Amino acid sequence: MKIVVIFRQIGSAIFAIMFLTILLSCNLPTTETSKVTNQNRSTPANSVNSKTASSPALMSTPVSSSPAADGKLTVKGAAVIFLAGRDDIKLITPDQDVPENYPLGRCSGGENAMAAPHLIKIDDKKNFTFKVTGEVDYYGGDDRKTGADGYADQASKIESLGGISGYTGPGGALVGVFLNDLNPQDAKPTATLDFSDEGQKTSFKKLTPELGQIFFIGDGSIGAKSSEQQVFVAPAGATRLFLGTADASGFGGAPGCYEDNKGAFQVEVTAN
């Protein structure tokens, strides 16, 4: 009789342990890897070569990008400098219709997706130098490539967009713009710097652009035959530096025509 009671007690204990185990397993939280996405509001203005689309699937404009392991950044030729800080505008792919009132024009024949400009958070850094290599073809092929200094025989004169200035200088060059933490959508654009032969050219030693003012970077040196690096000074209030390219139809007028840009620049940034 005692043996039977003991077995019953053991059986009850085992059942209780199993019940508690099942109960606990049902309440344990599951592990999930999440990705942070940038929620954007698509309310662009200043329509350029736009067509009405019903409800196109849009790509969010990324807000940051990380350098490669060797310390170099890759900046695509399709990186739209005019979208610096514009988290209210979304990128569209070449197979999508241009939404009504979209601020960037499109050239026919392009098959490459527009890219966001490369973001560098500058913290308390003030002086920047660049070493740039790589090539980009802005005509959709492989026979009209240019280095980061841009085309020697093709000048640009591109209009501003929102609070981002226009760009005047060699077509297809690597450019940059400093911003604070605010979206420049409603800001008044600063004056356009002139890097053409009729302006200050591209052989300057030091440059201090204003917030929202696009500036020429090129390969980062003061000249093709010089190893001396140019120094770019961040303006007061700057917290972000964006790198990209300035493009338009025929390198003039309203910004756009990034879909036919093939290639990229490799950029090594030094800051202090």
C-alpha atoms as a PDB file:
ATOM      1  CA  MET A   1       0.000   0.000   0.000  1.00  0.00           C
ATOM      2  CA  LYS A   2       2.803   2.455   0.871  1.00  0.00           C
ATOM      3  CA  ILE A   3       4.520   1.584  -2.401  1.00  0.00           C
ATOM      4  CA  VAL A   4       1.365   2.427  -4.371  1.00  0.00           C
ATOM      5  CA  VAL A   5       0.999   5.772  -2.616  1.00  0.00           C
ATOM      6  CA  ILE A   6       4.643   6.618  -3.277  1.00  0.00           C
ATOM      7  CA  PHE A   7       4.248   5.830  -7.007  1.00  0.00           C
ATOM      8  CA  ARG A   8       1.137   7.993  -7.168  1.00  0.00           C
ATOM      9  CA  GLN A   9       3.003  10.849  -5.526  1.00  0.00           C
ATOM     10  CA  ILE A  10       5.924  10.479  -7.920  1.00  0.00           C
ATOM     11  CA  GLY A  11       3.527  10.406 -10.876  1.00  0.00           C
ATOM     12  CA  SER A  12       1.794  13.570  -9.679  1.00  0.00           C
ATOM     13  CA  ALA A  13       5.137  15.347  -9.258  1.00  0.00           C
ATOM     14  CA  ILE A  14       6.244  14.382 -12.774  1.00  0.00           C
ATOM     15  CA  PHE A  15       2.930  15.587 -14.218  1.00  0.00           C
ATOM     16  CA  ALA A  16       3.278  18.907 -12.368  1.00  0.00           C
ATOM     17  CA  ILE A  17       6.813  19.395 -13.653  1.00  0.00           C
ATOM     18  CA  MET A  18       5.726  18.673 -17.246  1.00  0.00           C
ATOM     19  CA  PHE A  19       2.778  21.070 -16.919  1.00  0.00           C
ATOM     20  CA  LEU A  20       5.002  23.886 -15.605  1.00  0.00           C
ATOM     21  CA  THR A  21       7.544  23.293 -18.376  1.00  0.00           C
ATOM     22  CA  ILE A  22       4.866  23.577 -21.061  1.00  0.00           C
ATOM     23  CA  LEU A  23       3.385  26.667 -19.416  1.00  0.00           C
ATOM     24  CA  LEU A  24       6.751  28.442 -19.212  1.00  0.00           C
ATOM     25  CA  SER A  25       7.676  27.605 -22.801  1.00  0.00           C
ATOM     26  CA  CYS A  26       4.456  29.202 -24.028  1.00  0.00           C
ATOM     27  CA  ASN A  27       5.259  32.493 -22.298  1.00  0.00           C
ATOM     28  CA  LEU A  28       8.939  32.819 -23.261  1.00  0.00           C
ATOM     29  CA  PRO A  29       9.593  35.727 -25.693  1.00  0.00           C
ATOM     30  CA  THR A  30      10.867  34.851 -29.157  1.00  0.00           C
ATOM     31  CA  THR A  31      14.110  36.366 -30.504  1.00  0.00           C
ATOM     32  CA  GLU A  32      13.704  38.430 -33.689  1.00  0.00           C
ATOM     33  CA  THR A  33      16.266  40.439 -35.626  1.00  0.00           C
ATOM     34  CA  SER A  34      14.715  43.721 -36.708  1.00  0.00           C
ATOM     35  CA  LYS A  35      15.839  46.259 -39.262  1.00  0.00           C
ATOM     36  CA  VAL A  36      15.275  49.964 -38.744  1.00  0.00           C
ATOM     37  CA  THR A  37      13.644  51.587 -41.743  1.00  0.00           C
ATOM     38  CA  ASN A  38      13.184  55.238 -42.541  1.00  0.00           C
ATOM     39  CA  GLN A  39       9.514  56.185 -42.737  1.00  0.00           C
ATOM     40  CA  ASN A  40       9.143  58.896 -45.340  1.00  0.00           C
ATOM     41  CA  ARG A  41       6.384  61.234 -46.466  1.00  0.00           C
ATOM     42  CA  SER A  42       6.271  61.680 -50.200  1.00  0.00           C
ATOM     43  CA  THR A  43       5.345  65.336 -50.676  1.00  0.00           C
ATOM     44  CA  PRO A  44       7.859  66.654 -53.235  1.00  0.00           C
ATOM     45  CA  ALA A  45       7.268  69.747 -55.334  1.00  0.00           C
ATOM     46  CA  ASN A  46       8.639  71.397 -58.496  1.00  0.00           C
ATOM     47  CA  SER A  47       7.585  68.844 -61.113  1.00  0.00           C
ATOM     48  CA  VAL A  48      10.156  68.093 -63.829  1.00  0.00           C
ATOM     49  CA  ASN A  49       9.404  65.800 -66.796  1.00  0.00           C
ATOM     50  CA  SER A  50       6.874  63.994 -64.639  1.00  0.00           C
ATOM     51  CA  LYS A  51       4.091  61.573 -65.519  1.00  0.00           C
ATOM     52  CA  THR A  52       1.130  60.679 -63.368  1.00  0.00           C
ATOM     53  CA  ALA A  53       1.389  57.267 -61.724  1.00  0.00           C
ATOM     54  CA  SER A  54      -1.378  55.454 -59.897  1.00  0.00           C
ATOM     55  CA  SER A  55       0.497  54.168 -56.841  1.00  0.00           C
ATOM     56  CA  PRO A  56       4.117  53.273 -57.658  1.00  0.00           C
ATOM     57  CA  ALA A  57       6.243  51.291 -55.224  1.00  0.00           C
ATOM     58  CA  LEU A  58       8.923  53.672 -54.014  1.00  0.00           C
ATOM     59  CA  MET A  59      12.295  53.066 -52.418  1.00  0.00           C
ATOM     60  CA  SER A  60      12.980  54.942 -49.207  1.00  0.00           C
ATOM     61  CA  THR A  61      15.853  57.394 -49.278  1.00  0.00           C
ATOM     62  CA  PRO A  62      18.493  55.988 -46.882  1.00  0.00           C
ATOM     63  CA  VAL A  63      19.687  58.317 -44.145  1.00  0.00           C
ATOM     64  CA  SER A  64      23.170  56.921 -43.657  1.00  0.00           C
ATOM     65  CA  SER A  65      25.806  54.716 -45.182  1.00  0.00           C
ATOM     66  CA  SER A  66      28.863  53.053 -43.696  1.00  0.00           C
ATOM     67  CA  PRO A  67      32.450  53.130 -44.978  1.00  0.00           C
ATOM     68  CA  ALA A  68      34.056  49.982 -46.263  1.00  0.00           C
ATOM     69  CA  ALA A  69      36.382  48.003 -44.028  1.00  0.00           C
ATOM     70  CA  ASP A  70      39.474  49.616 -45.575  1.00  0.00           C
ATOM     71  CA  GLY A  71      38.238  53.081 -44.665  1.00  0.00           C
ATOM     72  CA  LYS A  72      37.093  54.014 -48.161  1.00  0.00           C
ATOM     73  CA  LEU A  73      33.578  55.020 -49.133  1.00  0.00           C
ATOM     74  CA  THR A  74      31.900  54.073 -52.375  1.00  0.00           C
ATOM     75  CA  VAL A  75      29.861  56.897 -53.880  1.00  0.00           C
ATOM     76  CA  LYS A  76      27.790  55.871 -56.878  1.00  0.00           C
ATOM     77  CA  GLY A  77      27.573  58.040 -59.948  1.00  0.00           C
ATOM     78  CA  ALA A  78      23.801  57.906 -59.469  1.00  0.00           C
ATOM     79  CA  ALA A  79      24.015  59.372 -55.933  1.00  0.00           C
ATOM     80  CA  VAL A  80      21.694  62.392 -56.025  1.00  0.00           C
ATOM     81  CA  ILE A  81      23.381  65.217 -54.097  1.00  0.00           C
ATOM     82  CA  PHE A  82      20.156  67.269 -54.304  1.00  0.00           C
ATOM     83  CA  LEU A  83      18.449  64.729 -52.026  1.00  0.00           C
ATOM     84  CA  ALA A  84      20.850  65.433 -49.152  1.00  0.00           C
ATOM     85  CA  GLY A  85      18.806  65.530 -45.960  1.00  0.00           C
ATOM     86  CA  ARG A  86      15.536  65.090 -47.868  1.00  0.00           C
ATOM     87  CA  ASP A  87      13.830  62.285 -45.962  1.00  0.00           C
ATOM     88  CA  ASP A  88      10.518  63.508 -47.427  1.00  0.00           C
ATOM     89  CA  ILE A  89      11.456  62.329 -50.939  1.00  0.00           C
ATOM     90  CA  LYS A  90      11.632  58.697 -52.007  1.00  0.00           C
ATOM     91  CA  LEU A  91      13.737  57.194 -54.749  1.00  0.00           C
ATOM     92  CA  ILE A  92      12.104  55.616 -57.773  1.00  0.00           C
ATOM     93  CA  THR A  93      13.465  52.832 -59.949  1.00  0.00           C
ATOM     94  CA  PRO A  94      13.792  53.027 -63.771  1.00  0.00           C
ATOM     95  CA  ASP A  95      10.853  50.645 -64.298  1.00  0.00           C
ATOM     96  CA  GLN A  96       8.452  52.913 -62.415  1.00  0.00           C
ATOM     97  CA  ASP A  97       6.487  55.849 -63.752  1.00  0.00           C
ATOM     98  CA  VAL A  98       7.487  59.224 -62.381  1.00  0.00           C
ATOM     99  CA  PRO A  99       4.928  60.303 -59.762  1.00  0.00           C
ATOM    100  CA  GLU A 100       3.138  63.584 -60.254  1.00  0.00           C
ATOM    101  CA  ASN A 101       5.136  66.559 -58.944  1.00  0.00           C
ATOM    102  CA  TYR A 102       8.300  64.475 -58.520  1.00  0.00           C
ATOM    103  CA  PRO A 103      11.233  66.925 -58.229  1.00  0.00           C
ATOM    104  CA  LEU A 104      13.796  65.046 -60.342  1.00  0.00           C
ATOM    105  CA  GLY A 105      13.704  64.731 -64.112  1.00  0.00           C
ATOM    106  CA  ARG A 106      14.340  61.528 -66.021  1.00  0.00           C
ATOM    107  CA  CYS A 107      16.306  60.964 -69.219  1.00  0.00           C
ATOM    108  CA  SER A 108      15.304  58.217 -71.631  1.00  0.00           C
ATOM    109  CA  GLY A 109      17.408  55.082 -71.897  1.00  0.00           C
ATOM    110  CA  GLY A 110      18.637  54.935 -68.316  1.00  0.00           C
ATOM    111  CA  GLU A 111      18.589  51.558 -66.604  1.00  0.00           C
ATOM    112  CA  ASN A 112      20.293  52.331 -63.297  1.00  0.00           C
ATOM    113  CA  ALA A 113      18.467  53.149 -60.075  1.00  0.00           C
ATOM    114  CA  MET A 114      19.002  56.521 -58.456  1.00  0.00           C
ATOM    115  CA  ALA A 115      20.953  56.329 -55.201  1.00  0.00           C
ATOM    116  CA  ALA A 116      20.936  58.408 -52.040  1.00  0.00           C
ATOM    117  CA  PRO A 117      23.944  60.650 -51.403  1.00  0.00           C
ATOM    118  CA  HIS A 118      26.492  59.207 -48.993  1.00  0.00           C
ATOM    119  CA  LEU A 119      26.133  60.558 -45.466  1.00  0.00           C
ATOM    120  CA  ILE A 120      29.015  61.186 -43.064  1.00  0.00           C
ATOM    121  CA  LYS A 121      28.189  62.333 -39.537  1.00  0.00           C
ATOM    122  CA  ILE A 122      30.922  64.833 -38.776  1.00  0.00           C
ATOM    123  CA  ASP A 123      30.518  65.280 -34.995  1.00  0.00           C
ATOM    124  CA  ASP A 124      33.005  67.967 -33.960  1.00  0.00           C
ATOM    125  CA  LYS A 125      35.267  67.538 -36.993  1.00  0.00           C
ATOM    126  CA  LYS A 126      35.903  70.722 -38.967  1.00  0.00           C
ATOM    127  CA  ASN A 127      38.599  70.149 -41.594  1.00  0.00           C
ATOM    128  CA  PHE A 128      38.225  67.531 -44.313  1.00  0.00           C
ATOM    129  CA  THR A 129      40.490  66.211 -47.054  1.00  0.00           C
ATOM    130  CA  PHE A 130      39.684  63.642 -49.736  1.00  0.00           C
ATOM    131  CA  LYS A 131      41.524  61.154 -51.923  1.00  0.00           C
ATOM    132  CA  VAL A 132      39.263  59.989 -54.733  1.00  0.00           C
ATOM    133  CA  THR A 133      39.628  57.375 -57.451  1.00  0.00           C
ATOM    134  CA  GLY A 134      37.196  55.575 -59.742  1.00  0.00           C
ATOM    135  CA  GLU A 135      35.254  56.463 -62.893  1.00  0.00           C
ATOM    136  CA  VAL A 136      31.651  57.140 -63.901  1.00  0.00           C
ATOM    137  CA  ASP A 137      30.004  57.176 -67.328  1.00  0.00           C
ATOM    138  CA  TYR A 138      27.114  59.675 -67.348  1.00  0.00           C
ATOM    139  CA  TYR A 139      25.836  58.650 -70.786  1.00  0.00           C
ATOM    140  CA  GLY A 140      24.670  55.091 -70.092  1.00  0.00           C
ATOM    141  CA  GLY A 141      27.621  53.329 -71.696  1.00  0.00           C
ATOM    142  CA  ASP A 142      31.282  52.583 -71.097  1.00  0.00           C
ATOM    143  CA  ASP A 143      33.003  54.805 -73.631  1.00  0.00           C
ATOM    144  CA  ARG A 144      32.556  58.239 -71.973  1.00  0.00           C
ATOM    145  CA  LYS A 145      33.908  57.649 -68.499  1.00  0.00           C
ATOM    146  CA  THR A 146      35.345  60.422 -66.386  1.00  0.00           C
ATOM    147  CA  GLY A 147      37.310  60.542 -63.175  1.00  0.00           C
ATOM    148  CA  ALA A 148      36.222  62.451 -60.076  1.00  0.00           C
ATOM    149  CA  ASP A 149      37.353  65.814 -61.529  1.00  0.00           C
ATOM    150  CA  GLY A 150      34.608  65.531 -64.159  1.00  0.00           C
ATOM    151  CA  TYR A 151      34.627  66.102 -67.904  1.00  0.00           C
ATOM    152  CA  ALA A 152      37.168  68.689 -69.035  1.00  0.00           C
ATOM    153  CA  ASP A 153      34.975  69.589 -72.031  1.00  0.00           C
ATOM    154  CA  GLN A 154      31.565  69.518 -70.328  1.00  0.00           C
ATOM    155  CA  ALA A 155      30.464  72.325 -68.018  1.00  0.00           C
ATOM    156  CA  SER A 156      27.506  72.065 -65.632  1.00  0.00           C
ATOM    157  CA  LYS A 157      25.045  74.759 -64.667  1.00  0.00           C
ATOM    158  CA  ILE A 158      22.358  73.063 -62.582  1.00  0.00           C
ATOM    159  CA  GLU A 159      19.566  74.701 -60.621  1.00  0.00           C
ATOM    160  CA  SER A 160      18.909  74.413 -56.891  1.00  0.00           C
ATOM    161  CA  LEU A 161      16.367  72.096 -55.256  1.00  0.00           C
ATOM    162  CA  GLY A 162      14.732  73.067 -51.975  1.00  0.00           C
ATOM    163  CA  GLY A 163      17.438  74.346 -49.632  1.00  0.00           C
ATOM    164  CA  ILE A 164      20.252  72.721 -51.625  1.00  0.00           C
ATOM    165  CA  SER A 165      22.068  75.163 -53.908  1.00  0.00           C
ATOM    166  CA  GLY A 166      22.697  74.758 -57.581  1.00  0.00           C
ATOM    167  CA  TYR A 167      26.023  73.636 -59.041  1.00  0.00           C
ATOM    168  CA  THR A 168      28.238  75.310 -61.617  1.00  0.00           C
ATOM    169  CA  GLY A 169      31.473  73.575 -62.577  1.00  0.00           C
ATOM    170  CA  PRO A 170      32.881  70.556 -64.398  1.00  0.00           C
ATOM    171  CA  GLY A 171      30.161  68.103 -65.362  1.00  0.00           C
ATOM    172  CA  GLY A 172      30.271  64.696 -63.648  1.00  0.00           C
ATOM    173  CA  ALA A 173      32.578  65.659 -60.773  1.00  0.00           C
ATOM    174  CA  LEU A 174      32.304  64.366 -57.220  1.00  0.00           C
ATOM    175  CA  VAL A 175      30.622  67.018 -55.079  1.00  0.00           C
ATOM    176  CA  GLY A 176      29.601  67.489 -51.460  1.00  0.00           C
ATOM    177  CA  VAL A 177      27.308  69.538 -49.247  1.00  0.00           C
ATOM    178  CA  PHE A 178      27.254  70.271 -45.506  1.00  0.00           C
ATOM    179  CA  LEU A 179      23.969  70.326 -43.572  1.00  0.00           C
ATOM    180  CA  ASN A 180      22.755  70.666 -40.005  1.00  0.00           C
ATOM    181  CA  ASP A 181      20.201  68.226 -38.556  1.00  0.00           C
ATOM    182  CA  LEU A 182      17.210  69.859 -40.264  1.00  0.00           C
ATOM    183  CA  ASN A 183      15.502  68.800 -43.481  1.00  0.00           C
ATOM    184  CA  PRO A 184      16.407  71.505 -46.053  1.00  0.00           C
ATOM    185  CA  GLN A 185      13.070  71.140 -47.843  1.00  0.00           C
ATOM    186  CA  ASP A 186      11.777  74.610 -47.001  1.00  0.00           C
ATOM    187  CA  ALA A 187      15.098  76.386 -46.523  1.00  0.00           C
ATOM    188  CA  LYS A 188      16.143  79.163 -48.862  1.00  0.00           C
ATOM    189  CA  PRO A 189      19.041  77.936 -51.024  1.00  0.00           C
ATOM    190  CA  THR A 190      22.360  79.719 -50.687  1.00  0.00           C
ATOM    191  CA  ALA A 191      24.150  81.248 -53.653  1.00  0.00           C
ATOM    192  CA  THR A 192      25.573  78.782 -56.166  1.00  0.00           C
ATOM    193  CA  LEU A 193      29.361  78.564 -56.084  1.00  0.00           C
ATOM    194  CA  ASP A 194      31.039  78.838 -59.493  1.00  0.00           C
ATOM    195  CA  PHE A 195      33.852  76.336 -60.107  1.00  0.00           C
ATOM    196  CA  SER A 196      34.058  77.007 -63.847  1.00  0.00           C
ATOM    197  CA  ASP A 197      37.042  78.631 -65.565  1.00  0.00           C
ATOM    198  CA  GLU A 198      35.128  81.915 -65.403  1.00  0.00           C
ATOM    199  CA  GLY A 199      34.615  81.508 -61.641  1.00  0.00           C
ATOM    200  CA  GLN A 200      36.964  80.413 -58.880  1.00  0.00           C
ATOM    201  CA  LYS A 201      37.967  77.291 -60.818  1.00  0.00           C
ATOM    202  CA  THR A 202      38.833  74.021 -59.073  1.00  0.00           C
ATOM    203  CA  SER A 203      42.454  74.608 -58.053  1.00  0.00           C
ATOM    204  CA  PHE A 204      41.712  76.285 -54.712  1.00  0.00           C
ATOM    205  CA  LYS A 205      43.674  75.224 -51.635  1.00  0.00           C
ATOM    206  CA  LYS A 206      40.993  75.818 -49.021  1.00  0.00           C
ATOM    207  CA  LEU A 207      37.225  76.199 -49.160  1.00  0.00           C
ATOM    208  CA  THR A 208      34.594  77.033 -46.541  1.00  0.00           C
ATOM    209  CA  PRO A 209      31.159  76.503 -48.100  1.00  0.00           C
ATOM    210  CA  GLU A 210      27.935  77.516 -46.396  1.00  0.00           C
ATOM    211  CA  LEU A 211      25.259  75.117 -45.159  1.00  0.00           C
ATOM    212  CA  GLY A 212      23.367  73.715 -48.135  1.00  0.00           C
ATOM    213  CA  GLN A 213      25.938  74.981 -50.643  1.00  0.00           C
ATOM    214  CA  ILE A 214      27.145  72.311 -53.076  1.00  0.00           C
ATOM    215  CA  PHE A 215      30.921  72.343 -53.528  1.00  0.00           C
ATOM    216  CA  PHE A 216      33.339  70.705 -55.942  1.00  0.00           C
ATOM    217  CA  ILE A 217      35.554  67.934 -54.510  1.00  0.00           C
ATOM    218  CA  GLY A 218      36.897  66.148 -57.572  1.00  0.00           C
ATOM    219  CA  ASP A 219      39.875  63.938 -56.788  1.00  0.00           C
ATOM    220  CA  GLY A 220      40.709  66.035 -53.712  1.00  0.00           C
ATOM    221  CA  SER A 221      43.939  67.600 -54.991  1.00  0.00           C
ATOM    222  CA  ILE A 222      44.613  71.189 -56.074  1.00  0.00           C
ATOM    223  CA  GLY A 223      45.513  70.069 -59.585  1.00  0.00           C
ATOM    224  CA  ALA A 224      46.040  67.093 -61.864  1.00  0.00           C
ATOM    225  CA  LYS A 225      49.825  67.246 -61.455  1.00  0.00           C
ATOM    226  CA  SER A 226      49.832  68.051 -57.747  1.00  0.00           C
ATOM    227  CA  SER A 227      49.740  65.774 -54.722  1.00  0.00           C
ATOM    228  CA  GLU A 228      48.725  68.648 -52.423  1.00  0.00           C
ATOM    229  CA  GLN A 229      45.290  68.026 -50.996  1.00  0.00           C
ATOM    230  CA  GLN A 230      42.559  70.628 -50.789  1.00  0.00           C
ATOM    231  CA  VAL A 231      41.079  71.419 -47.378  1.00  0.00           C
ATOM    232  CA  PHE A 232      37.327  71.750 -46.913  1.00  0.00           C
ATOM    233  CA  VAL A 233      36.154  73.496 -43.749  1.00  0.00           C
ATOM    234  CA  ALA A 234      32.730  72.681 -42.291  1.00  0.00           C
ATOM    235  CA  PRO A 235      30.609  75.787 -41.655  1.00  0.00           C
ATOM    236  CA  ALA A 236      29.220  76.637 -38.210  1.00  0.00           C
ATOM    237  CA  GLY A 237      26.292  74.438 -37.279  1.00  0.00           C
ATOM    238  CA  ALA A 238      27.183  71.619 -39.671  1.00  0.00           C
ATOM    239  CA  THR A 239      26.528  68.104 -38.358  1.00  0.00           C
ATOM    240  CA  ARG A 240      26.392  66.157 -41.600  1.00  0.00           C
ATOM    241  CA  LEU A 241      28.392  65.898 -44.805  1.00  0.00           C
ATOM    242  CA  PHE A 242      26.852  64.382 -47.949  1.00  0.00           C
ATOM    243  CA  LEU A 243      28.766  63.161 -51.000  1.00  0.00           C
ATOM    244  CA  GLY A 244      27.261  62.582 -54.438  1.00  0.00           C
ATOM    245  CA  THR A 245      27.049  63.934 -57.970  1.00  0.00           C
ATOM    246  CA  ALA A 246      25.172  66.817 -59.592  1.00  0.00           C
ATOM    247  CA  ASP A 247      23.370  65.834 -62.780  1.00  0.00           C
ATOM    248  CA  ALA A 248      20.724  67.153 -65.161  1.00  0.00           C
ATOM    249  CA  SER A 249      19.696  66.794 -68.787  1.00  0.00           C
ATOM    250  CA  GLY A 250      22.725  68.011 -70.702  1.00  0.00           C
ATOM    251  CA  PHE A 251      24.246  68.973 -67.324  1.00  0.00           C
ATOM    252  CA  GLY A 252      22.013  72.046 -67.229  1.00  0.00           C
ATOM    253  CA  GLY A 253      18.677  73.181 -65.831  1.00  0.00           C
ATOM    254  CA  ALA A 254      16.657  71.290 -63.241  1.00  0.00           C
ATOM    255  CA  PRO A 255      18.306  68.315 -61.460  1.00  0.00           C
ATOM    256  CA  GLY A 256      17.680  64.829 -62.830  1.00  0.00           C
ATOM    257  CA  CYS A 257      18.804  62.218 -65.385  1.00  0.00           C
ATOM    258  CA  TYR A 258      20.603  59.986 -62.896  1.00  0.00           C
ATOM    259  CA  GLU A 259      19.365  56.699 -64.389  1.00  0.00           C
ATOM    260  CA  ASP A 260      22.080  56.575 -67.064  1.00  0.00           C
ATOM    261  CA  ASN A 261      25.006  57.043 -64.658  1.00  0.00           C
ATOM    262  CA  LYS A 262      27.229  53.954 -64.490  1.00  0.00           C
ATOM    263  CA  GLY A 263      30.166  53.482 -62.140  1.00  0.00           C
ATOM    264  CA  ALA A 264      31.292  54.841 -58.802  1.00  0.00           C
ATOM    265  CA  PHE A 265      33.985  56.790 -57.003  1.00  0.00           C
ATOM    266  CA  GLN A 266      36.062  55.392 -54.152  1.00  0.00           C
ATOM    267  CA  VAL A 267      36.594  58.092 -51.555  1.00  0.00           C
ATOM    268  CA  GLU A 268      39.016  58.169 -48.635  1.00  0.00           C
ATOM    269  CA  VAL A 269      38.033  60.866 -46.144  1.00  0.00           C
ATOM    270  CA  THR A 270      40.304  62.342 -43.474  1.00  0.00           C
ATOM    271  CA  ALA A 271      38.811  64.635 -40.835  1.00  0.00           C
ATOM    272  CA  ASN A 272      40.162  66.480 -37.802  1.00  0.00           C
END
